[in-house]
Amino acid sequence: MPTNLKKLVRARMEKTGESHATALRYVRRKAEPRTPPPARDSVLKRRYRYRGTLRHDPAIDAYVGSVRGELGALVARLVALVRSNVPGHDELRVHGAPQFCVRGEPFCYVVGYAKHVNLGFCDGASLPDPEGLLEGTGKAMRHVKIRPGAEFPGKTLSRMVRDAARRARARQAADGDAIPEKVRDARR
């Protein structure tokens, strides 16, 4: 055992009263090089794909029809915005909310609350947001909160939806459209 290691172990034993084996284990663990945190892209490597997605899910139309008032109009407008900006997308309801996917991989969702509607992005942390609309603090997900009576940023939201779908397609192409680690069945 190197002399410097012996000194560190003895000092640890005197300081804490630990046994030689415990102090040695602690000193060796401290000496190991720490791995840097994963890059932002590797955090997002673990993606989900949903089974049972449809080109046009009638359950989403039923959900849109069930939301009344100004919030219902916002939900309908956001669903129409996503459908018109991303041709060839899949969709389904997950936990009661519309999810929009590219070959089963979700890229955005719409959720209606009591006083606002969220348009969320599954990879929103990497989306460009010069207008500062995105909210949230998670590793990947972000959302735009839209309230009745407030200005509707249609062009910006359209750009964000197209960009999110384009990124999902690009990730699939880069992976060779391999089967992901987790495939979820959303219709539980």
N, C-alpha and C. Protein backbone atom coordinates (compact mmCIF):
# COMPACT_ATOMS: atom_id res chain seq x y z
N MET A 1 0.85 -1.17 0.00
CA MET A 1 0.00 0.00 0.00
C MET A 1 0.90 1.24 0.00
N PRO A 2 0.64 2.20 -0.90
CA PRO A 2 1.46 3.40 -0.96
C PRO A 2 1.44 4.17 0.36
N THR A 3 2.52 4.85 0.64
CA THR A 3 2.66 5.57 1.90
C THR A 3 1.60 6.65 2.06
N ASN A 4 1.32 7.37 1.01
CA ASN A 4 0.32 8.44 1.14
C ASN A 4 -1.06 7.87 1.47
N LEU A 5 -1.38 6.68 0.94
CA LEU A 5 -2.65 6.04 1.24
C LEU A 5 -2.70 5.59 2.70
N LYS A 6 -1.57 5.06 3.20
CA LYS A 6 -1.50 4.65 4.61
C LYS A 6 -1.74 5.84 5.52
N LYS A 7 -1.13 6.97 5.19
CA LYS A 7 -1.30 8.17 6.01
C LYS A 7 -2.75 8.63 6.03
N LEU A 8 -3.38 8.61 4.86
CA LEU A 8 -4.78 9.03 4.78
C LEU A 8 -5.70 8.10 5.57
N VAL A 9 -5.43 6.79 5.49
CA VAL A 9 -6.25 5.82 6.22
C VAL A 9 -6.06 6.00 7.71
N ARG A 10 -4.79 6.15 8.18
CA ARG A 10 -4.53 6.35 9.61
C ARG A 10 -5.21 7.62 10.12
N ALA A 11 -5.12 8.68 9.32
CA ALA A 11 -5.75 9.94 9.73
C ALA A 11 -7.27 9.79 9.82
N ARG A 12 -7.83 9.07 8.90
CA ARG A 12 -9.28 8.84 8.91
C ARG A 12 -9.67 7.99 10.13
N MET A 13 -8.89 6.97 10.43
CA MET A 13 -9.18 6.12 11.57
C MET A 13 -9.12 6.91 12.88
N GLU A 14 -8.13 7.79 13.01
CA GLU A 14 -8.00 8.60 14.23
C GLU A 14 -9.13 9.61 14.34
N LYS A 15 -9.49 10.18 13.23
CA LYS A 15 -10.52 11.22 13.24
C LYS A 15 -11.90 10.66 13.56
N THR A 16 -12.25 9.50 12.96
CA THR A 16 -13.61 8.99 13.07
C THR A 16 -13.73 7.77 13.97
N GLY A 17 -12.64 7.10 14.26
CA GLY A 17 -12.70 5.89 15.07
C GLY A 17 -13.14 4.69 14.26
N GLU A 18 -13.11 4.79 12.96
CA GLU A 18 -13.53 3.68 12.10
C GLU A 18 -12.47 2.60 12.07
N SER A 19 -12.89 1.41 11.63
CA SER A 19 -11.93 0.32 11.47
C SER A 19 -11.05 0.60 10.25
N HIS A 20 -9.97 -0.18 10.15
CA HIS A 20 -9.05 0.01 9.03
C HIS A 20 -9.76 -0.23 7.69
N ALA A 21 -10.57 -1.27 7.62
CA ALA A 21 -11.25 -1.61 6.36
C ALA A 21 -12.22 -0.51 5.94
N THR A 22 -12.98 0.03 6.90
CA THR A 22 -13.95 1.08 6.59
C THR A 22 -13.24 2.36 6.15
N ALA A 23 -12.17 2.73 6.87
CA ALA A 23 -11.43 3.93 6.51
C ALA A 23 -10.77 3.77 5.14
N LEU A 24 -10.24 2.59 4.85
CA LEU A 24 -9.62 2.32 3.56
C LEU A 24 -10.65 2.43 2.44
N ARG A 25 -11.83 1.85 2.67
CA ARG A 25 -12.89 1.91 1.67
C ARG A 25 -13.28 3.37 1.40
N TYR A 26 -13.41 4.18 2.44
CA TYR A 26 -13.77 5.60 2.30
C TYR A 26 -12.68 6.35 1.51
N VAL A 27 -11.43 6.13 1.85
CA VAL A 27 -10.33 6.85 1.19
C VAL A 27 -10.25 6.45 -0.28
N ARG A 28 -10.41 5.18 -0.57
CA ARG A 28 -10.36 4.74 -1.97
C ARG A 28 -11.53 5.32 -2.78
N ARG A 29 -12.71 5.37 -2.15
CA ARG A 29 -13.87 5.90 -2.85
C ARG A 29 -13.67 7.39 -3.15
N LYS A 30 -13.08 8.10 -2.21
CA LYS A 30 -12.82 9.53 -2.43
C LYS A 30 -11.77 9.75 -3.52
N ALA A 31 -10.86 8.80 -3.67
CA ALA A 31 -9.78 8.94 -4.65
C ALA A 31 -10.23 8.61 -6.07
N GLU A 32 -11.36 7.90 -6.20
CA GLU A 32 -11.83 7.53 -7.54
C GLU A 32 -12.22 8.77 -8.31
N PRO A 33 -11.88 8.80 -9.59
CA PRO A 33 -12.28 9.96 -10.38
C PRO A 33 -13.80 10.01 -10.52
N ARG A 34 -14.35 11.18 -10.36
CA ARG A 34 -15.79 11.34 -10.48
C ARG A 34 -16.18 11.45 -11.94
N THR A 35 -17.27 10.82 -12.28
CA THR A 35 -17.75 10.91 -13.65
C THR A 35 -18.53 12.21 -13.80
N PRO A 36 -18.33 12.90 -14.89
CA PRO A 36 -19.06 14.15 -15.09
C PRO A 36 -20.54 13.85 -15.31
N PRO A 37 -21.40 14.83 -15.05
CA PRO A 37 -22.83 14.58 -15.29
C PRO A 37 -23.07 14.31 -16.77
N PRO A 38 -24.10 13.53 -17.08
CA PRO A 38 -24.35 13.21 -18.49
C PRO A 38 -24.70 14.45 -19.29
N ALA A 39 -24.33 14.41 -20.55
CA ALA A 39 -24.66 15.53 -21.43
C ALA A 39 -26.17 15.60 -21.62
N ARG A 40 -26.66 16.76 -22.01
CA ARG A 40 -28.11 16.97 -22.15
C ARG A 40 -28.72 15.97 -23.13
N ASP A 41 -28.00 15.64 -24.19
CA ASP A 41 -28.54 14.72 -25.18
C ASP A 41 -28.68 13.31 -24.63
N SER A 42 -27.72 12.89 -23.77
CA SER A 42 -27.80 11.53 -23.25
C SER A 42 -28.92 11.39 -22.23
N VAL A 43 -29.32 12.48 -21.59
CA VAL A 43 -30.45 12.44 -20.66
C VAL A 43 -31.71 12.07 -21.42
N LEU A 44 -31.82 12.55 -22.65
CA LEU A 44 -33.02 12.35 -23.43
C LEU A 44 -32.98 11.07 -24.26
N LYS A 45 -31.93 10.27 -24.11
CA LYS A 45 -31.84 9.04 -24.90
C LYS A 45 -32.96 8.07 -24.55
N ARG A 46 -33.34 8.03 -23.29
CA ARG A 46 -34.38 7.09 -22.89
C ARG A 46 -35.73 7.69 -23.24
N ARG A 47 -36.32 7.16 -24.30
CA ARG A 47 -37.57 7.72 -24.80
C ARG A 47 -38.65 6.65 -24.73
N TYR A 48 -39.86 7.12 -24.79
CA TYR A 48 -41.01 6.23 -24.78
C TYR A 48 -41.61 6.17 -26.17
N ARG A 49 -42.23 5.04 -26.43
CA ARG A 49 -43.07 4.90 -27.62
C ARG A 49 -44.36 4.26 -27.16
N TYR A 50 -45.44 4.81 -27.64
CA TYR A 50 -46.75 4.28 -27.29
C TYR A 50 -47.26 3.35 -28.37
N ARG A 51 -47.89 2.28 -27.94
CA ARG A 51 -48.57 1.38 -28.86
C ARG A 51 -50.01 1.87 -29.00
N GLY A 52 -50.62 1.54 -30.08
CA GLY A 52 -52.03 1.86 -30.25
C GLY A 52 -52.31 3.28 -30.69
N THR A 53 -51.32 3.96 -31.24
CA THR A 53 -51.57 5.31 -31.75
C THR A 53 -52.33 5.22 -33.06
N LEU A 54 -53.13 6.22 -33.32
CA LEU A 54 -53.94 6.27 -34.53
C LEU A 54 -53.64 7.55 -35.30
N ARG A 55 -53.91 7.55 -36.61
CA ARG A 55 -53.72 8.77 -37.40
C ARG A 55 -54.67 9.86 -36.95
N HIS A 56 -55.89 9.49 -36.61
CA HIS A 56 -56.87 10.47 -36.12
C HIS A 56 -57.71 9.75 -35.06
N ASP A 57 -57.39 10.01 -33.81
CA ASP A 57 -58.04 9.29 -32.71
C ASP A 57 -59.39 9.93 -32.37
N PRO A 58 -60.49 9.20 -32.52
CA PRO A 58 -61.80 9.74 -32.19
C PRO A 58 -61.94 10.07 -30.70
N ALA A 59 -61.14 9.45 -29.84
CA ALA A 59 -61.18 9.77 -28.41
C ALA A 59 -60.74 11.21 -28.15
N ILE A 60 -59.84 11.71 -28.98
CA ILE A 60 -59.41 13.10 -28.83
C ILE A 60 -60.53 14.04 -29.25
N ASP A 61 -61.24 13.70 -30.31
CA ASP A 61 -62.38 14.52 -30.71
C ASP A 61 -63.45 14.55 -29.62
N ALA A 62 -63.66 13.41 -28.97
CA ALA A 62 -64.63 13.35 -27.87
C ALA A 62 -64.16 14.21 -26.70
N TYR A 63 -62.85 14.19 -26.41
CA TYR A 63 -62.30 15.01 -25.33
C TYR A 63 -62.48 16.49 -25.65
N VAL A 64 -62.17 16.89 -26.87
CA VAL A 64 -62.30 18.29 -27.27
C VAL A 64 -63.76 18.73 -27.15
N GLY A 65 -64.68 17.87 -27.54
CA GLY A 65 -66.09 18.20 -27.44
C GLY A 65 -66.60 18.27 -26.01
N SER A 66 -65.92 17.59 -25.09
CA SER A 66 -66.38 17.56 -23.70
C SER A 66 -65.95 18.79 -22.91
N VAL A 67 -64.94 19.51 -23.37
CA VAL A 67 -64.48 20.70 -22.66
C VAL A 67 -65.32 21.88 -23.12
N ARG A 68 -65.98 22.55 -22.20
CA ARG A 68 -66.93 23.62 -22.53
C ARG A 68 -66.31 25.00 -22.34
N GLY A 69 -66.97 25.97 -22.92
CA GLY A 69 -66.64 27.38 -22.72
C GLY A 69 -65.39 27.81 -23.46
N GLU A 70 -64.77 28.86 -22.92
CA GLU A 70 -63.56 29.42 -23.54
C GLU A 70 -62.41 28.42 -23.54
N LEU A 71 -62.32 27.63 -22.46
CA LEU A 71 -61.25 26.62 -22.41
C LEU A 71 -61.44 25.57 -23.50
N GLY A 72 -62.68 25.21 -23.77
CA GLY A 72 -62.96 24.26 -24.85
C GLY A 72 -62.53 24.79 -26.20
N ALA A 73 -62.76 26.09 -26.41
CA ALA A 73 -62.34 26.71 -27.66
C ALA A 73 -60.81 26.70 -27.78
N LEU A 74 -60.11 26.95 -26.65
CA LEU A 74 -58.64 26.92 -26.68
C LEU A 74 -58.13 25.51 -26.95
N VAL A 75 -58.72 24.51 -26.30
CA VAL A 75 -58.30 23.13 -26.52
C VAL A 75 -58.51 22.75 -27.99
N ALA A 76 -59.67 23.09 -28.53
CA ALA A 76 -59.96 22.78 -29.94
C ALA A 76 -58.98 23.48 -30.86
N ARG A 77 -58.66 24.73 -30.56
CA ARG A 77 -57.73 25.49 -31.40
C ARG A 77 -56.33 24.88 -31.36
N LEU A 78 -55.88 24.46 -30.16
CA LEU A 78 -54.55 23.87 -30.05
C LEU A 78 -54.47 22.50 -30.74
N VAL A 79 -55.51 21.69 -30.59
CA VAL A 79 -55.52 20.39 -31.26
C VAL A 79 -55.49 20.59 -32.77
N ALA A 80 -56.29 21.54 -33.25
CA ALA A 80 -56.30 21.82 -34.69
C ALA A 80 -54.94 22.35 -35.15
N LEU A 81 -54.29 23.17 -34.33
CA LEU A 81 -52.97 23.71 -34.66
C LEU A 81 -51.96 22.58 -34.83
N VAL A 82 -51.94 21.64 -33.90
CA VAL A 82 -50.99 20.53 -33.99
C VAL A 82 -51.30 19.66 -35.20
N ARG A 83 -52.58 19.35 -35.40
CA ARG A 83 -52.95 18.49 -36.53
C ARG A 83 -52.61 19.12 -37.87
N SER A 84 -52.76 20.42 -37.98
CA SER A 84 -52.48 21.08 -39.27
C SER A 84 -50.99 21.29 -39.53
N ASN A 85 -50.19 21.37 -38.48
CA ASN A 85 -48.76 21.66 -38.67
C ASN A 85 -47.88 20.43 -38.79
N VAL A 86 -48.38 19.27 -38.39
CA VAL A 86 -47.57 18.06 -38.45
C VAL A 86 -48.32 16.98 -39.23
N PRO A 87 -48.16 16.97 -40.55
CA PRO A 87 -48.82 15.91 -41.32
C PRO A 87 -48.16 14.56 -41.03
N GLY A 88 -48.96 13.53 -41.02
CA GLY A 88 -48.43 12.19 -40.79
C GLY A 88 -48.15 11.87 -39.34
N HIS A 89 -48.72 12.61 -38.43
CA HIS A 89 -48.49 12.31 -37.01
C HIS A 89 -49.49 11.25 -36.54
N ASP A 90 -49.19 10.67 -35.38
CA ASP A 90 -50.10 9.75 -34.72
C ASP A 90 -50.60 10.45 -33.47
N GLU A 91 -51.71 9.95 -32.92
CA GLU A 91 -52.24 10.57 -31.72
C GLU A 91 -52.99 9.56 -30.88
N LEU A 92 -53.12 9.85 -29.61
CA LEU A 92 -53.90 9.05 -28.69
C LEU A 92 -54.10 9.84 -27.40
N ARG A 93 -55.01 9.36 -26.56
CA ARG A 93 -55.23 9.98 -25.26
C ARG A 93 -54.45 9.21 -24.22
N VAL A 94 -53.69 9.93 -23.42
CA VAL A 94 -52.93 9.34 -22.33
C VAL A 94 -53.33 10.09 -21.06
N HIS A 95 -53.82 9.37 -20.09
CA HIS A 95 -54.30 9.96 -18.84
C HIS A 95 -55.32 11.06 -19.12
N GLY A 96 -56.14 10.87 -20.12
CA GLY A 96 -57.21 11.80 -20.44
C GLY A 96 -56.82 12.96 -21.34
N ALA A 97 -55.56 13.12 -21.66
CA ALA A 97 -55.11 14.27 -22.45
C ALA A 97 -54.60 13.82 -23.82
N PRO A 98 -54.84 14.63 -24.85
CA PRO A 98 -54.33 14.29 -26.18
C PRO A 98 -52.80 14.34 -26.24
N GLN A 99 -52.21 13.27 -26.76
CA GLN A 99 -50.77 13.21 -27.01
C GLN A 99 -50.58 13.07 -28.51
N PHE A 100 -49.61 13.77 -29.04
CA PHE A 100 -49.32 13.72 -30.47
C PHE A 100 -47.93 13.11 -30.63
N CYS A 101 -47.83 12.13 -31.53
CA CYS A 101 -46.62 11.32 -31.66
C CYS A 101 -46.14 11.25 -33.10
N VAL A 102 -44.89 10.87 -33.24
CA VAL A 102 -44.31 10.52 -34.53
C VAL A 102 -43.89 9.06 -34.40
N ARG A 103 -44.57 8.17 -35.12
CA ARG A 103 -44.35 6.72 -35.03
C ARG A 103 -44.31 6.23 -33.59
N GLY A 104 -45.26 6.73 -32.78
CA GLY A 104 -45.40 6.28 -31.41
C GLY A 104 -44.62 7.08 -30.39
N GLU A 105 -43.64 7.88 -30.82
CA GLU A 105 -42.85 8.68 -29.89
C GLU A 105 -43.52 10.04 -29.70
N PRO A 106 -43.95 10.37 -28.48
CA PRO A 106 -44.66 11.63 -28.27
C PRO A 106 -43.74 12.84 -28.41
N PHE A 107 -44.28 13.89 -29.02
CA PHE A 107 -43.52 15.14 -29.12
C PHE A 107 -44.27 16.30 -28.47
N CYS A 108 -45.61 16.24 -28.37
CA CYS A 108 -46.33 17.29 -27.66
C CYS A 108 -47.67 16.77 -27.16
N TYR A 109 -48.29 17.56 -26.27
CA TYR A 109 -49.56 17.18 -25.68
C TYR A 109 -50.35 18.43 -25.35
N VAL A 110 -51.65 18.26 -25.15
CA VAL A 110 -52.54 19.37 -24.79
C VAL A 110 -53.29 18.94 -23.53
N VAL A 111 -53.28 19.79 -22.51
CA VAL A 111 -53.97 19.49 -21.26
C VAL A 111 -54.78 20.70 -20.85
N GLY A 112 -56.07 20.49 -20.62
CA GLY A 112 -56.93 21.56 -20.16
C GLY A 112 -57.06 21.55 -18.64
N TYR A 113 -56.89 22.70 -18.02
CA TYR A 113 -57.04 22.86 -16.58
C TYR A 113 -58.23 23.78 -16.31
N ALA A 114 -58.47 24.14 -15.07
CA ALA A 114 -59.63 24.94 -14.71
C ALA A 114 -59.55 26.36 -15.26
N LYS A 115 -58.34 26.96 -15.32
CA LYS A 115 -58.22 28.35 -15.73
C LYS A 115 -57.28 28.56 -16.91
N HIS A 116 -56.67 27.51 -17.41
CA HIS A 116 -55.76 27.65 -18.55
C HIS A 116 -55.62 26.31 -19.27
N VAL A 117 -54.95 26.34 -20.41
CA VAL A 117 -54.65 25.14 -21.19
C VAL A 117 -53.14 25.13 -21.42
N ASN A 118 -52.53 23.95 -21.24
CA ASN A 118 -51.10 23.79 -21.50
C ASN A 118 -50.88 23.09 -22.83
N LEU A 119 -49.97 23.64 -23.61
CA LEU A 119 -49.44 22.94 -24.77
C LEU A 119 -48.03 22.54 -24.35
N GLY A 120 -47.84 21.25 -24.11
CA GLY A 120 -46.56 20.77 -23.59
C GLY A 120 -45.72 20.12 -24.66
N PHE A 121 -44.41 20.16 -24.43
CA PHE A 121 -43.45 19.57 -25.36
C PHE A 121 -42.58 18.58 -24.60
N CYS A 122 -42.52 17.36 -25.08
CA CYS A 122 -41.78 16.30 -24.40
C CYS A 122 -40.28 16.56 -24.39
N ASP A 123 -39.77 17.27 -25.37
CA ASP A 123 -38.35 17.62 -25.45
C ASP A 123 -38.23 19.15 -25.48
N GLY A 124 -39.06 19.82 -24.69
CA GLY A 124 -39.14 21.28 -24.74
C GLY A 124 -37.90 22.00 -24.25
N ALA A 125 -37.09 21.36 -23.41
CA ALA A 125 -35.90 22.02 -22.90
C ALA A 125 -34.90 22.33 -24.01
N SER A 126 -34.95 21.57 -25.09
CA SER A 126 -34.01 21.81 -26.19
C SER A 126 -34.61 22.64 -27.32
N LEU A 127 -35.88 23.05 -27.18
CA LEU A 127 -36.50 23.88 -28.21
C LEU A 127 -36.04 25.33 -28.09
N PRO A 128 -35.80 26.01 -29.20
CA PRO A 128 -35.48 27.43 -29.13
C PRO A 128 -36.73 28.20 -28.69
N ASP A 129 -36.55 29.17 -27.80
CA ASP A 129 -37.68 29.93 -27.26
C ASP A 129 -37.30 31.41 -27.14
N PRO A 130 -37.16 32.11 -28.27
CA PRO A 130 -36.76 33.52 -28.18
C PRO A 130 -37.82 34.40 -27.53
N GLU A 131 -39.10 34.00 -27.58
CA GLU A 131 -40.17 34.81 -26.99
C GLU A 131 -40.33 34.54 -25.51
N GLY A 132 -39.69 33.50 -24.97
CA GLY A 132 -39.77 33.19 -23.55
C GLY A 132 -41.12 32.62 -23.13
N LEU A 133 -41.76 31.85 -23.97
CA LEU A 133 -43.08 31.29 -23.65
C LEU A 133 -43.01 30.01 -22.84
N LEU A 134 -41.94 29.26 -22.98
CA LEU A 134 -41.85 27.95 -22.33
C LEU A 134 -41.66 28.09 -20.82
N GLU A 135 -42.39 27.26 -20.08
CA GLU A 135 -42.28 27.23 -18.63
C GLU A 135 -41.95 25.81 -18.21
N GLY A 136 -41.44 25.66 -17.00
CA GLY A 136 -41.13 24.35 -16.46
C GLY A 136 -39.66 24.23 -16.12
N THR A 137 -39.34 23.29 -15.23
CA THR A 137 -37.96 23.15 -14.77
C THR A 137 -37.45 21.72 -14.86
N GLY A 138 -38.17 20.83 -15.52
CA GLY A 138 -37.73 19.44 -15.63
C GLY A 138 -36.52 19.29 -16.53
N LYS A 139 -36.00 18.07 -16.60
CA LYS A 139 -34.83 17.81 -17.45
C LYS A 139 -35.15 18.02 -18.92
N ALA A 140 -36.36 17.64 -19.33
CA ALA A 140 -36.67 17.69 -20.76
C ALA A 140 -37.97 18.43 -21.06
N MET A 141 -39.00 18.21 -20.28
CA MET A 141 -40.33 18.71 -20.62
C MET A 141 -40.50 20.19 -20.29
N ARG A 142 -41.23 20.87 -21.18
CA ARG A 142 -41.62 22.26 -20.98
C ARG A 142 -43.03 22.43 -21.52
N HIS A 143 -43.71 23.50 -21.12
CA HIS A 143 -45.07 23.76 -21.60
C HIS A 143 -45.29 25.25 -21.77
N VAL A 144 -46.29 25.56 -22.58
CA VAL A 144 -46.73 26.95 -22.78
C VAL A 144 -48.13 27.03 -22.18
N LYS A 145 -48.32 27.97 -21.27
CA LYS A 145 -49.60 28.16 -20.61
C LYS A 145 -50.40 29.19 -21.40
N ILE A 146 -51.63 28.82 -21.79
CA ILE A 146 -52.47 29.72 -22.57
C ILE A 146 -53.76 29.94 -21.80
N ARG A 147 -54.07 31.20 -21.54
CA ARG A 147 -55.26 31.55 -20.77
C ARG A 147 -56.33 32.15 -21.69
N PRO A 148 -57.60 31.92 -21.36
CA PRO A 148 -58.67 32.55 -22.15
C PRO A 148 -58.57 34.07 -22.08
N GLY A 149 -58.81 34.71 -23.19
CA GLY A 149 -58.76 36.17 -23.24
C GLY A 149 -57.38 36.74 -23.50
N ALA A 150 -56.33 35.94 -23.31
CA ALA A 150 -54.97 36.41 -23.57
C ALA A 150 -54.66 36.25 -25.06
N GLU A 151 -53.62 36.93 -25.50
CA GLU A 151 -53.21 36.84 -26.90
C GLU A 151 -52.79 35.40 -27.22
N PHE A 152 -53.21 34.90 -28.37
CA PHE A 152 -52.86 33.55 -28.80
C PHE A 152 -51.68 33.63 -29.76
N PRO A 153 -50.50 33.17 -29.34
CA PRO A 153 -49.30 33.25 -30.20
C PRO A 153 -49.26 32.12 -31.23
N GLY A 154 -50.16 32.16 -32.18
CA GLY A 154 -50.32 31.06 -33.14
C GLY A 154 -49.09 30.75 -33.97
N LYS A 155 -48.44 31.79 -34.51
CA LYS A 155 -47.27 31.55 -35.36
C LYS A 155 -46.12 30.93 -34.56
N THR A 156 -45.92 31.44 -33.36
CA THR A 156 -44.84 30.91 -32.52
C THR A 156 -45.13 29.46 -32.12
N LEU A 157 -46.36 29.19 -31.72
CA LEU A 157 -46.72 27.82 -31.33
C LEU A 157 -46.62 26.88 -32.52
N SER A 158 -47.02 27.33 -33.70
CA SER A 158 -46.89 26.49 -34.90
C SER A 158 -45.44 26.13 -35.16
N ARG A 159 -44.57 27.13 -35.03
CA ARG A 159 -43.14 26.88 -35.24
C ARG A 159 -42.61 25.89 -34.21
N MET A 160 -43.01 26.05 -32.96
CA MET A 160 -42.53 25.15 -31.91
C MET A 160 -43.03 23.72 -32.13
N VAL A 161 -44.27 23.56 -32.53
CA VAL A 161 -44.83 22.23 -32.78
C VAL A 161 -44.09 21.56 -33.94
N ARG A 162 -43.89 22.29 -35.03
CA ARG A 162 -43.16 21.72 -36.18
C ARG A 162 -41.74 21.34 -35.78
N ASP A 163 -41.09 22.20 -34.99
CA ASP A 163 -39.71 21.94 -34.57
C ASP A 163 -39.66 20.71 -33.66
N ALA A 164 -40.61 20.57 -32.75
CA ALA A 164 -40.63 19.41 -31.85
C ALA A 164 -40.82 18.11 -32.65
N ALA A 165 -41.72 18.13 -33.62
CA ALA A 165 -41.94 16.94 -34.45
C ALA A 165 -40.72 16.63 -35.31
N ARG A 166 -40.10 17.67 -35.85
CA ARG A 166 -38.89 17.48 -36.66
C ARG A 166 -37.77 16.86 -35.82
N ARG A 167 -37.63 17.31 -34.58
CA ARG A 167 -36.59 16.74 -33.70
C ARG A 167 -36.87 15.28 -33.37
N ALA A 168 -38.14 14.94 -33.15
CA ALA A 168 -38.49 13.54 -32.86
C ALA A 168 -38.16 12.65 -34.07
N ARG A 169 -38.48 13.15 -35.26
CA ARG A 169 -38.15 12.38 -36.48
C ARG A 169 -36.64 12.24 -36.65
N ALA A 170 -35.91 13.31 -36.36
CA ALA A 170 -34.45 13.28 -36.51
C ALA A 170 -33.83 12.29 -35.51
N ARG A 171 -34.34 12.24 -34.28
CA ARG A 171 -33.82 11.28 -33.31
C ARG A 171 -34.07 9.85 -33.78
N GLN A 172 -35.24 9.62 -34.34
CA GLN A 172 -35.54 8.28 -34.83
C GLN A 172 -34.64 7.91 -36.01
N ALA A 173 -34.39 8.86 -36.88
CA ALA A 173 -33.51 8.59 -38.02
C ALA A 173 -32.08 8.34 -37.54
N ALA A 174 -31.62 9.09 -36.54
CA ALA A 174 -30.27 8.90 -36.02
C ALA A 174 -30.12 7.56 -35.33
N ASP A 175 -31.19 7.09 -34.70
CA ASP A 175 -31.15 5.78 -34.03
C ASP A 175 -31.41 4.65 -35.00
N GLY A 176 -31.64 4.96 -36.24
CA GLY A 176 -31.98 3.92 -37.20
C GLY A 176 -33.36 3.36 -36.94
N ASP A 177 -34.18 4.16 -36.27
CA ASP A 177 -35.55 3.79 -35.91
C ASP A 177 -35.57 2.46 -35.18
N ALA A 178 -34.57 2.28 -34.29
CA ALA A 178 -34.49 1.05 -33.50
C ALA A 178 -35.61 1.03 -32.46
N ILE A 179 -35.92 -0.14 -31.98
CA ILE A 179 -36.93 -0.27 -30.93
C ILE A 179 -36.35 0.37 -29.67
N PRO A 180 -37.07 1.30 -29.05
CA PRO A 180 -36.54 1.98 -27.87
C PRO A 180 -36.53 1.08 -26.65
N GLU A 181 -35.89 1.60 -25.57
CA GLU A 181 -35.79 0.83 -24.35
C GLU A 181 -37.16 0.53 -23.75
N LYS A 182 -38.04 1.49 -23.79
CA LYS A 182 -39.35 1.31 -23.18
C LYS A 182 -40.44 1.54 -24.21
N VAL A 183 -41.35 0.62 -24.31
CA VAL A 183 -42.52 0.79 -25.14
C VAL A 183 -43.71 0.69 -24.21
N ARG A 184 -44.52 1.72 -24.19
CA ARG A 184 -45.65 1.76 -23.27
C ARG A 184 -46.96 1.51 -24.00
N ASP A 185 -47.82 0.82 -23.33
CA ASP A 185 -49.17 0.66 -23.83
C ASP A 185 -50.02 1.68 -23.11
N ALA A 186 -50.42 2.72 -23.81
CA ALA A 186 -51.11 3.84 -23.18
C ALA A 186 -52.55 3.51 -22.87
N ARG A 187 -53.12 2.55 -23.51
CA ARG A 187 -54.54 2.24 -23.30
C ARG A 187 -54.68 1.19 -22.19
N ARG A 188 -54.46 1.64 -20.98
CA ARG A 188 -54.55 0.72 -19.84
C ARG A 188 -55.92 0.78 -19.23
